[in-house]
Every structure is written in structure tokens, then in C-alpha cells.
Amino acid sequence: MALDALIERVQRAPDQASAQILSGEMWQYWADAPDDTAQEILNRGMRKRESWDLLGARSDFDALIAYCPDYAEGYNQRAFVNFLSQNFEAALPDLERALDLSPRHVAAQSGLALTLIGLGREAEAQDALAAALELNPWLPERSLYRAPGVSDKPGEDL
């Protein structure tokens, strides 16, 4: 499978620049919708999200999910719109559904971690972030990870 090969390559990436190229290829994989209609809905929703038309984007992603209920990226994108709106409670089930459909969806996994942080669920967020970093150790969110038993306060190990 193409995604598995990309994950293996990013895990072996020698530096951040190489990893960024591979992360871009992962995005191309996830953003490749099942058919032309789904692709147009996805692209339209992403354009709206990028221009901060979050209500319009949400509407498009609702339509995409209704049209392709087994396409993980529809849920991931709707979750991202809810995250940007700071509606973390609404983002959470979409991220969970995206991961049910695509367990190695690194972006949904890191989005889950960020959403859990937004909800104040730090321990669960750290678990989600650890899972994401297992898949892609070069994620920008890696700076938020706290290894078990290590405090984020200087001189205070757990």
C-alpha cells in the first residue's frame, strides 16, 4: 500500500526537509478522493476553509461525508474546521471516525492529540501524540510531546 511505504520512508527520513516532502506526499494520498464528485466537494471545502469561510467549508464537508461516508478525509477535514472554530467537542467524534476508517492517518492522529489538548485531556493527548509520532517522528507537534515520567517543569521529573 502506498501509505505504508510513505510512513516507512518518513520514519527513516534523515532530516526535517526530507520528512516535509514525504508529509506532502501523504497529504496527496489522503486528499485523493474516491471519485470526481467527491474530489470537487473536497477541493471546494478546502478552498473555503483556507479562506476562513468555516461555515461554508463545514457545509461542504457535511455533503462529502453524506456522499462518501467511508472516506476518512471528509471526517478529518470537518474535524479540522471544528478545531479551527475551537469546537473541540464536535471535532472529537470526526477524528475518531477518520481513524476508524484509516488507522494510520497521521494527520487525524495528530489532530486528535491537539483536540484533546484543547479539551484539557492532557494524558489522552499525550497518548495520541505518541501514536502519531510513531508513524511520523518529524511532525511539527513533536514539541508538545512529554515522554512518560518527564515533567515539563525544569528539575521536576515524575
Protein backbone atom coordinates (compact mmCIF):
# COMPACT_ATOMS: atom_id res chain seq x y z
CA MET A 1 0.00 0.00 0.00
CA ALA A 2 1.28 3.46 -0.89
CA LEU A 3 0.62 4.97 2.55
CA ASP A 4 2.57 2.22 4.32
CA ALA A 5 5.56 2.89 2.08
CA LEU A 6 5.36 6.63 2.78
CA ILE A 7 5.20 6.03 6.52
CA GLU A 8 8.22 3.72 6.36
CA ARG A 9 10.12 6.35 4.38
CA VAL A 10 9.26 9.22 6.74
CA GLN A 11 10.29 7.09 9.73
CA ARG A 12 13.73 6.73 8.11
CA ALA A 13 13.96 10.35 6.90
CA PRO A 14 17.38 11.79 7.70
CA ASP A 15 16.16 15.35 8.32
CA GLN A 16 13.18 17.69 8.57
CA ALA A 17 13.35 18.78 4.93
CA SER A 18 13.16 15.20 3.66
CA ALA A 19 10.31 14.46 6.06
CA GLN A 20 8.34 17.51 4.87
CA ILE A 21 8.43 16.27 1.29
CA LEU A 22 7.12 12.88 2.41
CA SER A 23 4.44 14.51 4.56
CA GLY A 24 3.29 16.39 1.48
CA GLU A 25 3.04 13.09 -0.38
CA MET A 26 0.93 11.70 2.48
CA TRP A 27 -1.43 14.68 2.13
CA GLN A 28 -1.73 13.95 -1.59
CA TYR A 29 -2.64 10.36 -0.71
CA TRP A 30 -5.34 11.37 1.81
CA ALA A 31 -6.72 14.14 -0.42
CA ASP A 32 -7.21 11.77 -3.35
CA ALA A 33 -11.00 11.37 -3.14
CA PRO A 34 -12.81 8.23 -4.31
CA ASP A 35 -14.31 9.85 -7.43
CA ASP A 36 -14.55 13.15 -9.32
CA THR A 37 -17.67 14.35 -7.48
CA ALA A 38 -16.10 13.69 -4.08
CA GLN A 39 -12.89 15.37 -5.23
CA GLU A 40 -14.74 18.52 -6.25
CA ILE A 41 -16.60 18.68 -2.92
CA LEU A 42 -13.35 18.13 -1.00
CA ASN A 43 -11.45 20.72 -3.02
CA ARG A 44 -14.25 23.28 -2.66
CA GLY A 45 -14.44 22.72 1.10
CA MET A 46 -10.68 23.02 1.47
CA ARG A 47 -10.66 26.28 -0.52
CA LYS A 48 -13.39 27.66 1.74
CA ARG A 49 -11.52 26.55 4.86
CA GLU A 50 -8.31 28.16 3.61
CA SER A 51 -10.18 31.45 3.11
CA TRP A 52 -11.74 31.13 6.60
CA ASP A 53 -15.26 30.51 5.31
CA LEU A 54 -15.63 27.92 8.04
CA LEU A 55 -19.43 27.63 7.77
CA GLY A 56 -19.20 27.07 4.02
CA ALA A 57 -16.40 24.56 4.48
CA ARG A 58 -18.36 22.73 7.16
CA SER A 59 -21.33 22.53 4.80
CA ASP A 60 -19.15 21.07 2.04
CA PHE A 61 -17.59 18.52 4.38
CA ASP A 62 -21.06 17.55 5.64
CA ALA A 63 -22.00 16.95 1.99
CA LEU A 64 -18.81 14.98 1.36
CA ILE A 65 -19.48 12.73 4.36
CA ALA A 66 -23.07 12.18 3.24
CA TYR A 67 -21.83 11.33 -0.27
CA CYS A 68 -18.82 9.20 0.80
CA PRO A 69 -19.40 8.00 4.38
CA ASP A 70 -16.37 5.67 4.22
CA TYR A 71 -13.87 8.33 3.10
CA ALA A 72 -11.73 9.26 6.12
CA GLU A 73 -10.59 12.63 4.81
CA GLY A 74 -14.13 14.02 4.85
CA TYR A 75 -14.26 13.45 8.60
CA ASN A 76 -10.72 14.72 9.10
CA GLN A 77 -11.44 17.95 7.23
CA ARG A 78 -14.73 18.54 9.08
CA ALA A 79 -12.88 17.95 12.35
CA PHE A 80 -10.25 20.50 11.29
CA VAL A 81 -12.95 23.11 10.62
CA ASN A 82 -14.42 22.43 14.07
CA PHE A 83 -10.95 22.62 15.60
CA LEU A 84 -10.34 25.99 13.94
CA SER A 85 -13.69 27.13 15.36
CA GLN A 86 -12.49 25.87 18.77
CA ASN A 87 -15.42 23.47 18.83
CA PHE A 88 -13.27 20.64 20.16
CA GLU A 89 -16.25 18.54 21.30
CA ALA A 90 -17.57 18.43 17.71
CA ALA A 91 -14.11 17.67 16.28
CA LEU A 92 -13.51 14.65 18.50
CA PRO A 93 -16.03 12.15 17.04
CA ASP A 94 -15.00 13.06 13.49
CA LEU A 95 -11.35 12.40 14.29
CA GLU A 96 -12.26 9.10 15.91
CA ARG A 97 -14.27 8.12 12.81
CA ALA A 98 -11.44 9.13 10.49
CA LEU A 99 -9.07 6.93 12.49
CA ASP A 100 -11.56 4.05 12.48
CA LEU A 101 -11.59 4.26 8.68
CA SER A 102 -7.86 4.96 8.29
CA PRO A 103 -5.92 3.95 11.43
CA ARG A 104 -2.60 5.20 10.01
CA HIS A 105 -3.93 8.67 9.14
CA VAL A 106 -1.11 10.61 10.76
CA ALA A 107 -2.84 13.99 10.39
CA ALA A 108 -6.02 12.74 12.06
CA GLN A 109 -3.91 11.22 14.83
CA SER A 110 -2.04 14.48 15.49
CA GLY A 111 -5.34 16.38 15.14
CA LEU A 112 -6.77 14.10 17.81
CA ALA A 113 -3.86 14.99 20.11
CA LEU A 114 -4.37 18.73 19.55
CA THR A 115 -8.12 18.41 20.07
CA LEU A 116 -7.61 16.53 23.33
CA ILE A 117 -5.23 19.28 24.46
CA GLY A 118 -7.96 21.80 23.63
CA LEU A 119 -10.35 19.79 25.80
CA GLY A 120 -7.85 19.75 28.69
CA ARG A 121 -7.41 15.97 28.43
CA GLU A 122 -3.61 16.08 28.58
CA ALA A 123 -2.88 12.39 29.37
CA GLU A 124 -5.03 11.18 26.46
CA ALA A 125 -3.48 13.86 24.25
CA GLN A 126 -0.01 12.59 25.05
CA ASP A 127 -1.05 9.04 24.15
CA ALA A 128 -2.49 10.23 20.83
CA LEU A 129 0.61 12.29 20.13
CA ALA A 130 2.86 9.32 20.90
CA ALA A 131 0.86 7.23 18.41
CA ALA A 132 1.19 9.94 15.75
CA LEU A 133 4.93 10.29 16.35
CA GLU A 134 5.38 6.53 16.00
CA LEU A 135 4.07 6.92 12.46
CA ASN A 136 5.87 10.19 11.69
CA PRO A 137 8.59 11.26 14.15
CA TRP A 138 9.03 14.57 12.27
CA LEU A 139 5.59 16.04 12.99
CA PRO A 140 5.67 19.73 13.95
CA GLU A 141 3.60 18.80 17.02
CA ARG A 142 6.51 16.74 18.39
CA SER A 143 7.50 19.73 20.50
CA LEU A 144 4.30 19.18 22.53
CA TYR A 145 5.21 15.61 23.45
CA ARG A 146 6.25 14.85 27.01
CA ALA A 147 7.89 11.46 27.47
CA PRO A 148 6.29 9.42 30.28
CA GLY A 149 7.88 10.20 33.61
CA VAL A 150 9.31 13.53 32.48
CA SER A 151 7.78 16.76 33.73
CA ASP A 152 7.60 19.86 31.57
CA LYS A 153 8.90 21.85 34.54
CA PRO A 154 12.69 22.12 34.87
CA GLY A 155 14.17 19.92 37.59
CA GLU A 156 10.88 18.12 38.26
CA ASP A 157 10.83 14.57 36.93
CA LEU A 158 7.84 12.43 37.77
